[in-house]
PDB file of N, CA and C in Angstrom:
ATOM      1  N   MET A   1       2.982   9.109   5.180  1.00  0.00           N
ATOM      2  CA  MET A   1       2.793  10.323   4.435  1.00  0.00           C
ATOM      3  C   MET A   1       3.988  11.262   4.618  1.00  0.00           C
ATOM      4  N   SER A   2       4.485  11.367   5.814  1.00  0.00           N
ATOM      5  CA  SER A   2       5.630  12.256   6.044  1.00  0.00           C
ATOM      6  C   SER A   2       6.875  11.742   5.330  1.00  0.00           C
ATOM      7  N   TYR A   3       7.041  10.433   5.250  1.00  0.00           N
ATOM      8  CA  TYR A   3       8.182   9.873   4.525  1.00  0.00           C
ATOM      9  C   TYR A   3       8.076  10.204   3.038  1.00  0.00           C
ATOM     10  N   ARG A   4       6.872  10.054   2.489  1.00  0.00           N
ATOM     11  CA  ARG A   4       6.654  10.379   1.081  1.00  0.00           C
ATOM     12  C   ARG A   4       6.932  11.855   0.826  1.00  0.00           C
ATOM     13  N   PHE A   5       6.494  12.712   1.723  1.00  0.00           N
ATOM     14  CA  PHE A   5       6.741  14.153   1.567  1.00  0.00           C
ATOM     15  C   PHE A   5       8.224  14.494   1.699  1.00  0.00           C
ATOM     16  N   ALA A   6       8.931  13.783   2.567  1.00  0.00           N
ATOM     17  CA  ALA A   6      10.353  14.056   2.735  1.00  0.00           C
ATOM     18  C   ALA A   6      11.145  13.709   1.473  1.00  0.00           C
ATOM     19  N   LEU A   7      10.673  12.725   0.725  1.00  0.00           N
ATOM     20  CA  LEU A   7      11.358  12.319  -0.495  1.00  0.00           C
ATOM     21  C   LEU A   7      10.938  13.119  -1.715  1.00  0.00           C
ATOM     22  N   THR A   8       9.853  13.859  -1.612  1.00  0.00           N
ATOM     23  CA  THR A   8       9.285  14.565  -2.764  1.00  0.00           C
ATOM     24  C   THR A   8       9.697  16.035  -2.741  1.00  0.00           C
ATOM     25  N   PRO A   9      10.172  16.564  -3.869  1.00  0.00           N
ATOM     26  CA  PRO A   9      10.481  17.998  -3.929  1.00  0.00           C
ATOM     27  C   PRO A   9       9.234  18.837  -3.632  1.00  0.00           C
ATOM     28  N   ASP A  10       9.436  20.006  -3.033  1.00  0.00           N
ATOM     29  CA  ASP A  10       8.323  20.856  -2.625  1.00  0.00           C
ATOM     30  C   ASP A  10       7.335  21.124  -3.756  1.00  0.00           C
ATOM     31  N   ALA A  11       7.841  21.390  -4.949  1.00  0.00           N
ATOM     32  CA  ALA A  11       6.971  21.736  -6.073  1.00  0.00           C
ATOM     33  C   ALA A  11       6.107  20.570  -6.537  1.00  0.00           C
ATOM     34  N   MET A  12       6.456  19.344  -6.167  1.00  0.00           N
ATOM     35  CA  MET A  12       5.728  18.161  -6.640  1.00  0.00           C
ATOM     36  C   MET A  12       4.830  17.532  -5.584  1.00  0.00           C
ATOM     37  N   ARG A  13       4.838  18.047  -4.364  1.00  0.00           N
ATOM     38  CA  ARG A  13       4.114  17.386  -3.272  1.00  0.00           C
ATOM     39  C   ARG A  13       2.609  17.278  -3.522  1.00  0.00           C
ATOM     40  N   GLY A  14       2.017  18.307  -4.034  1.00  0.00           N
ATOM     41  CA  GLY A  14       0.577  18.260  -4.305  1.00  0.00           C
ATOM     42  C   GLY A  14       0.227  17.214  -5.339  1.00  0.00           C
ATOM     43  N   ARG A  15       1.020  17.141  -6.382  1.00  0.00           N
ATOM     44  CA  ARG A  15       0.779  16.161  -7.441  1.00  0.00           C
ATOM     45  C   ARG A  15       0.977  14.736  -6.936  1.00  0.00           C
ATOM     46  N   VAL A  16       2.055  14.525  -6.190  1.00  0.00           N
ATOM     47  CA  VAL A  16       2.324  13.184  -5.665  1.00  0.00           C
ATOM     48  C   VAL A  16       1.212  12.758  -4.714  1.00  0.00           C
ATOM     49  N   ASN A  17       0.783  13.648  -3.852  1.00  0.00           N
ATOM     50  CA  ASN A  17      -0.284  13.324  -2.907  1.00  0.00           C
ATOM     51  C   ASN A  17      -1.593  13.030  -3.637  1.00  0.00           C
ATOM     52  N   SER A  18      -1.909  13.807  -4.677  1.00  0.00           N
ATOM     53  CA  SER A  18      -3.166  13.578  -5.385  1.00  0.00           C
ATOM     54  C   SER A  18      -3.147  12.241  -6.127  1.00  0.00           C
ATOM     55  N   ILE A  19      -2.021  11.869  -6.709  1.00  0.00           N
ATOM     56  CA  ILE A  19      -1.929  10.574  -7.393  1.00  0.00           C
ATOM     57  C   ILE A  19      -2.020   9.429  -6.383  1.00  0.00           C
ATOM     58  N   PHE A  20      -1.357   9.582  -5.243  1.00  0.00           N
ATOM     59  CA  PHE A  20      -1.439   8.559  -4.205  1.00  0.00           C
ATOM     60  C   PHE A  20      -2.889   8.356  -3.765  1.00  0.00           C
ATOM     61  N   ARG A  21      -3.589   9.440  -3.521  1.00  0.00           N
ATOM     62  CA  ARG A  21      -4.989   9.340  -3.091  1.00  0.00           C
ATOM     63  C   ARG A  21      -5.888   8.791  -4.196  1.00  0.00           C
ATOM     64  N   LEU A  22      -5.619   9.157  -5.438  1.00  0.00           N
ATOM     65  CA  LEU A  22      -6.401   8.634  -6.554  1.00  0.00           C
ATOM     66  C   LEU A  22      -6.269   7.118  -6.633  1.00  0.00           C
ATOM     67  N   ILE A  23      -5.050   6.623  -6.513  1.00  0.00           N
ATOM     68  CA  ILE A  23      -4.836   5.181  -6.598  1.00  0.00           C
ATOM     69  C   ILE A  23      -5.434   4.468  -5.388  1.00  0.00           C
ATOM     70  N   SER A  24      -5.137   4.954  -4.188  1.00  0.00           N
ATOM     71  CA  SER A  24      -5.615   4.253  -2.991  1.00  0.00           C
ATOM     72  C   SER A  24      -7.136   4.326  -2.847  1.00  0.00           C
ATOM     73  N   ASN A  25      -7.708   5.499  -3.058  1.00  0.00           N
ATOM     74  CA  ASN A  25      -9.163   5.624  -2.939  1.00  0.00           C
ATOM     75  C   ASN A  25      -9.881   5.036  -4.148  1.00  0.00           C
ATOM     76  N   GLY A  26      -9.244   5.049  -5.296  1.00  0.00           N
ATOM     77  CA  GLY A  26      -9.869   4.507  -6.493  1.00  0.00           C
ATOM     78  C   GLY A  26      -9.945   2.995  -6.486  1.00  0.00           C
ATOM     79  N   LEU A  27      -9.009   2.342  -5.812  1.00  0.00           N
ATOM     80  CA  LEU A  27      -9.015   0.885  -5.757  1.00  0.00           C
ATOM     81  C   LEU A  27      -9.878   0.329  -4.617  1.00  0.00           C
ATOM     82  N   ALA A  28     -10.294   1.168  -3.700  1.00  0.00           N
ATOM     83  CA  ALA A  28     -11.108   0.703  -2.575  1.00  0.00           C
ATOM     84  C   ALA A  28     -12.414   0.038  -3.032  1.00  0.00           C
ATOM     85  N   PRO A  29     -13.159   0.619  -3.971  1.00  0.00           N
ATOM     86  CA  PRO A  29     -14.387  -0.059  -4.416  1.00  0.00           C
ATOM     87  C   PRO A  29     -14.122  -1.422  -5.064  1.00  0.00           C
ATOM     88  N   LEU A  30     -12.995  -1.556  -5.754  1.00  0.00           N
ATOM     89  CA  LEU A  30     -12.647  -2.847  -6.350  1.00  0.00           C
ATOM     90  C   LEU A  30     -12.420  -3.894  -5.263  1.00  0.00           C
ATOM     91  N   GLY A  31     -11.708  -3.513  -4.215  1.00  0.00           N
ATOM     92  CA  GLY A  31     -11.478  -4.437  -3.109  1.00  0.00           C
ATOM     93  C   GLY A  31     -12.767  -4.837  -2.409  1.00  0.00           C
ATOM     94  N   LEU A  32     -13.659  -3.884  -2.222  1.00  0.00           N
ATOM     95  CA  LEU A  32     -14.945  -4.197  -1.589  1.00  0.00           C
ATOM     96  C   LEU A  32     -15.778  -5.113  -2.479  1.00  0.00           C
ATOM     97  N   THR A  33     -15.737  -4.875  -3.788  1.00  0.00           N
ATOM     98  CA  THR A  33     -16.482  -5.727  -4.720  1.00  0.00           C
ATOM     99  C   THR A  33     -15.933  -7.150  -4.712  1.00  0.00           C
ATOM    100  N   LEU A  34     -14.617  -7.275  -4.763  1.00  0.00           N
ATOM    101  CA  LEU A  34     -14.023  -8.614  -4.730  1.00  0.00           C
ATOM    102  C   LEU A  34     -14.314  -9.337  -3.410  1.00  0.00           C
ATOM    103  N   THR A  35     -14.302  -8.586  -2.327  1.00  0.00           N
ATOM    104  CA  THR A  35     -14.629  -9.188  -1.030  1.00  0.00           C
ATOM    105  C   THR A  35     -16.072  -9.669  -1.008  1.00  0.00           C
ATOM    106  N   GLY A  36     -16.985  -8.858  -1.518  1.00  0.00           N
ATOM    107  CA  GLY A  36     -18.395  -9.255  -1.572  1.00  0.00           C
ATOM    108  C   GLY A  36     -18.622 -10.478  -2.434  1.00  0.00           C
ATOM    109  N   LEU A  37     -17.966 -10.516  -3.594  1.00  0.00           N
ATOM    110  CA  LEU A  37     -18.103 -11.685  -4.471  1.00  0.00           C
ATOM    111  C   LEU A  37     -17.513 -12.931  -3.825  1.00  0.00           C
ATOM    112  N   SER A  38     -16.373 -12.770  -3.166  1.00  0.00           N
ATOM    113  CA  SER A  38     -15.763 -13.905  -2.478  1.00  0.00           C
ATOM    114  C   SER A  38     -16.660 -14.416  -1.352  1.00  0.00           C
ATOM    115  N   LEU A  39     -17.253 -13.507  -0.618  1.00  0.00           N
ATOM    116  CA  LEU A  39     -18.189 -13.922   0.438  1.00  0.00           C
ATOM    117  C   LEU A  39     -19.390 -14.656  -0.141  1.00  0.00           C
ATOM    118  N   GLN A  40     -19.905 -14.153  -1.243  1.00  0.00           N
ATOM    119  CA  GLN A  40     -21.092 -14.754  -1.855  1.00  0.00           C
ATOM    120  C   GLN A  40     -20.803 -16.152  -2.396  1.00  0.00           C
ATOM    121  N   TYR A  41     -19.677 -16.312  -3.083  1.00  0.00           N
ATOM    122  CA  TYR A  41     -19.406 -17.576  -3.760  1.00  0.00           C
ATOM    123  C   TYR A  41     -18.618 -18.586  -2.930  1.00  0.00           C
ATOM    124  N   TYR A  42     -17.788 -18.116  -2.011  1.00  0.00           N
ATOM    125  CA  TYR A  42     -16.926 -19.032  -1.263  1.00  0.00           C
ATOM    126  C   TYR A  42     -17.207 -19.079   0.235  1.00  0.00           C
ATOM    127  N   GLY A  43     -17.904 -18.091   0.758  1.00  0.00           N
ATOM    128  CA  GLY A  43     -18.228 -18.074   2.174  1.00  0.00           C
ATOM    129  C   GLY A  43     -17.216 -17.289   2.995  1.00  0.00           C
ATOM    130  N   PRO A  44     -17.556 -17.054   4.263  1.00  0.00           N
ATOM    131  CA  PRO A  44     -16.708 -16.200   5.100  1.00  0.00           C
ATOM    132  C   PRO A  44     -15.361 -16.812   5.472  1.00  0.00           C
ATOM    133  N   VAL A  45     -15.310 -18.115   5.672  1.00  0.00           N
ATOM    134  CA  VAL A  45     -14.050 -18.733   6.099  1.00  0.00           C
ATOM    135  C   VAL A  45     -12.993 -18.607   4.999  1.00  0.00           C
ATOM    136  N   VAL A  46     -13.356 -18.953   3.779  1.00  0.00           N
ATOM    137  CA  VAL A  46     -12.416 -18.872   2.665  1.00  0.00           C
ATOM    138  C   VAL A  46     -12.028 -17.416   2.414  1.00  0.00           C
ATOM    139  N   THR A  47     -12.998 -16.510   2.518  1.00  0.00           N
ATOM    140  CA  THR A  47     -12.714 -15.096   2.282  1.00  0.00           C
ATOM    141  C   THR A  47     -11.706 -14.565   3.297  1.00  0.00           C
ATOM    142  N   VAL A  48     -11.889 -14.885   4.550  1.00  0.00           N
ATOM    143  CA  VAL A  48     -10.959 -14.435   5.589  1.00  0.00           C
ATOM    144  C   VAL A  48      -9.589 -15.066   5.382  1.00  0.00           C
ATOM    145  N   LEU A  49      -9.549 -16.342   5.004  1.00  0.00           N
ATOM    146  CA  LEU A  49      -8.264 -16.996   4.754  1.00  0.00           C
ATOM    147  C   LEU A  49      -7.552 -16.365   3.562  1.00  0.00           C
ATOM    148  N   LEU A  50      -8.288 -16.055   2.502  1.00  0.00           N
ATOM    149  CA  LEU A  50      -7.686 -15.390   1.346  1.00  0.00           C
ATOM    150  C   LEU A  50      -7.146 -14.007   1.716  1.00  0.00           C
ATOM    151  N   ALA A  51      -7.929 -13.250   2.459  1.00  0.00           N
ATOM    152  CA  ALA A  51      -7.495 -11.907   2.863  1.00  0.00           C
ATOM    153  C   ALA A  51      -6.277 -11.988   3.779  1.00  0.00           C
ATOM    154  N   SER A  52      -6.296 -12.914   4.717  1.00  0.00           N
ATOM    155  CA  SER A  52      -5.158 -13.077   5.631  1.00  0.00           C
ATOM    156  C   SER A  52      -3.915 -13.527   4.878  1.00  0.00           C
ATOM    157  N   GLY A  53      -4.096 -14.466   3.957  1.00  0.00           N
ATOM    158  CA  GLY A  53      -2.966 -14.934   3.155  1.00  0.00           C
ATOM    159  C   GLY A  53      -2.366 -13.816   2.328  1.00  0.00           C
ATOM    160  N   GLY A  54      -3.225 -12.972   1.769  1.00  0.00           N
ATOM    161  CA  GLY A  54      -2.731 -11.829   0.995  1.00  0.00           C
ATOM    162  C   GLY A  54      -1.936 -10.861   1.846  1.00  0.00           C
ATOM    163  N   GLN A  55      -2.406 -10.599   3.047  1.00  0.00           N
ATOM    164  CA  GLN A  55      -1.692  -9.689   3.944  1.00  0.00           C
ATOM    165  C   GLN A  55      -0.352 -10.278   4.385  1.00  0.00           C
ATOM    166  N   ILE A  56      -0.339 -11.565   4.656  1.00  0.00           N
ATOM    167  CA  ILE A  56       0.918 -12.221   5.048  1.00  0.00           C
ATOM    168  C   ILE A  56       1.908 -12.194   3.886  1.00  0.00           C
ATOM    169  N   LEU A  57       1.418 -12.425   2.661  1.00  0.00           N
ATOM    170  CA  LEU A  57       2.281 -12.369   1.491  1.00  0.00           C
ATOM    171  C   LEU A  57       2.862 -10.971   1.294  1.00  0.00           C
ATOM    172  N   LEU A  58       2.039  -9.943   1.439  1.00  0.00           N
ATOM    173  CA  LEU A  58       2.527  -8.570   1.315  1.00  0.00           C
ATOM    174  C   LEU A  58       3.576  -8.248   2.385  1.00  0.00           C
ATOM    175  N   ALA A  59       3.345  -8.693   3.604  1.00  0.00           N
ATOM    176  CA  ALA A  59       4.312  -8.449   4.683  1.00  0.00           C
ATOM    177  C   ALA A  59       5.631  -9.153   4.388  1.00  0.00           C
ATOM    178  N   ALA A  60       5.556 -10.389   3.894  1.00  0.00           N
ATOM    179  CA  ALA A  60       6.780 -11.131   3.578  1.00  0.00           C
ATOM    180  C   ALA A  60       7.550 -10.446   2.448  1.00  0.00           C
ATOM    181  N   LEU A  61       6.837 -10.004   1.414  1.00  0.00           N
ATOM    182  CA  LEU A  61       7.499  -9.316   0.306  1.00  0.00           C
ATOM    183  C   LEU A  61       8.135  -8.005   0.769  1.00  0.00           C
ATOM    184  N   ALA A  62       7.462  -7.297   1.655  1.00  0.00           N
ATOM    185  CA  ALA A  62       8.025  -6.050   2.180  1.00  0.00           C
ATOM    186  C   ALA A  62       9.280  -6.323   3.005  1.00  0.00           C
ATOM    187  N   MET A  63       9.260  -7.389   3.789  1.00  0.00           N
ATOM    188  CA  MET A  63      10.439  -7.720   4.601  1.00  0.00           C
ATOM    189  C   MET A  63      11.613  -8.129   3.732  1.00  0.00           C
ATOM    190  N   LEU A  64      11.346  -8.759   2.601  1.00  0.00           N
ATOM    191  CA  LEU A  64      12.414  -9.232   1.726  1.00  0.00           C
ATOM    192  C   LEU A  64      12.899  -8.176   0.735  1.00  0.00           C
ATOM    193  N   SER A  65      12.173  -7.087   0.615  1.00  0.00           N
ATOM    194  CA  SER A  65      12.527  -6.046  -0.342  1.00  0.00           C
ATOM    195  C   SER A  65      13.734  -5.252   0.157  1.00  0.00           C
ATOM    196  N   GLY A  66      14.790  -5.276  -0.627  1.00  0.00           N
ATOM    197  CA  GLY A  66      15.989  -4.524  -0.261  1.00  0.00           C
ATOM    198  C   GLY A  66      15.745  -3.025  -0.249  1.00  0.00           C
ATOM    199  N   ALA A  67      14.920  -2.544  -1.182  1.00  0.00           N
ATOM    200  CA  ALA A  67      14.633  -1.111  -1.249  1.00  0.00           C
ATOM    201  C   ALA A  67      13.909  -0.632   0.011  1.00  0.00           C
ATOM    202  N   ILE A  68      12.994  -1.422   0.497  1.00  0.00           N
ATOM    203  CA  ILE A  68      12.270  -1.040   1.715  1.00  0.00           C
ATOM    204  C   ILE A  68      13.190  -1.134   2.925  1.00  0.00           C
ATOM    205  N   ARG A  69      14.019  -2.145   2.969  1.00  0.00           N
ATOM    206  CA  ARG A  69      14.932  -2.308   4.109  1.00  0.00           C
ATOM    207  C   ARG A  69      15.957  -1.185   4.185  1.00  0.00           C
ATOM    208  N   ARG A  70      16.316  -0.599   3.036  1.00  0.00           N
ATOM    209  CA  ARG A  70      17.293   0.486   3.016  1.00  0.00           C
ATOM    210  C   ARG A  70      16.638   1.864   2.985  1.00  0.00           C
ATOM    211  N   ALA A  71      15.341   1.948   3.093  1.00  0.00           N
ATOM    212  CA  ALA A  71      14.631   3.218   2.935  1.00  0.00           C
ATOM    213  C   ALA A  71      15.079   4.257   3.960  1.00  0.00           C
ATOM    214  N   HIS A  72      15.401   3.854   5.155  1.00  0.00           N
ATOM    215  CA  HIS A  72      15.817   4.812   6.178  1.00  0.00           C
ATOM    216  C   HIS A  72      17.184   5.419   5.882  1.00  0.00           C
ATOM    217  N   LEU A  73      17.899   4.878   4.918  1.00  0.00           N
ATOM    218  CA  LEU A  73      19.222   5.388   4.560  1.00  0.00           C
ATOM    219  C   LEU A  73      19.173   6.410   3.436  1.00  0.00           C
ATOM    220  N   SER A  74      17.972   6.786   3.020  1.00  0.00           N
ATOM    221  CA  SER A  74      17.806   7.697   1.898  1.00  0.00           C
ATOM    222  C   SER A  74      18.442   9.049   2.176  1.00  0.00           C
ATOM    223  N   PRO A  75      19.189   9.613   1.204  1.00  0.00           N
ATOM    224  CA  PRO A  75      19.809  10.925   1.390  1.00  0.00           C
ATOM    225  C   PRO A  75      18.772  12.030   1.625  1.00  0.00           C
ATOM    226  N   ALA A  76      17.594  11.889   1.062  1.00  0.00           N
ATOM    227  CA  ALA A  76      16.553  12.899   1.256  1.00  0.00           C
ATOM    228  C   ALA A  76      16.122  12.983   2.719  1.00  0.00           C
ATOM    229  N   MET A  77      16.153  11.848   3.421  1.00  0.00           N
ATOM    230  CA  MET A  77      15.759  11.846   4.817  1.00  0.00           C
ATOM    231  C   MET A  77      16.817  12.489   5.708  1.00  0.00           C
ATOM    232  N   GLU A  78      18.059  12.514   5.272  1.00  0.00           N
ATOM    233  CA  GLU A  78      19.127  13.099   6.071  1.00  0.00           C
ATOM    234  C   GLU A  78      19.010  14.617   6.142  1.00  0.00           C
ATOM    235  N   ARG A  79      18.313  15.227   5.179  1.00  0.00           N
ATOM    236  CA  ARG A  79      18.125  16.671   5.190  1.00  0.00           C
ATOM    237  C   ARG A  79      17.243  17.118   6.353  1.00  0.00           C
ATOM    238  N   HIS A  80      16.378  16.239   6.819  1.00  0.00           N
ATOM    239  CA  HIS A  80      15.364  16.645   7.806  1.00  0.00           C
ATOM    240  C   HIS A  80      15.736  16.232   9.163  1.00  0.00           C
TER     241      HIS A  80
END
């Protein structure tokens, strides 16, 4: 959150934070629904493997992303 605020102009912080919360909190019920359906139709082992695989994939993509790897070099962060 502090990184997002450091990159966001003061006048836009409220809007950026509200959109972030809308997306993250708005997608939570979808994730819970998909998890419940996966548990019902495929069982706990497959559901845990799918969830773990998704997390590993996200971590790998984040590690390979040049933008994320260079994020600490942002000029906006140098101001603080």
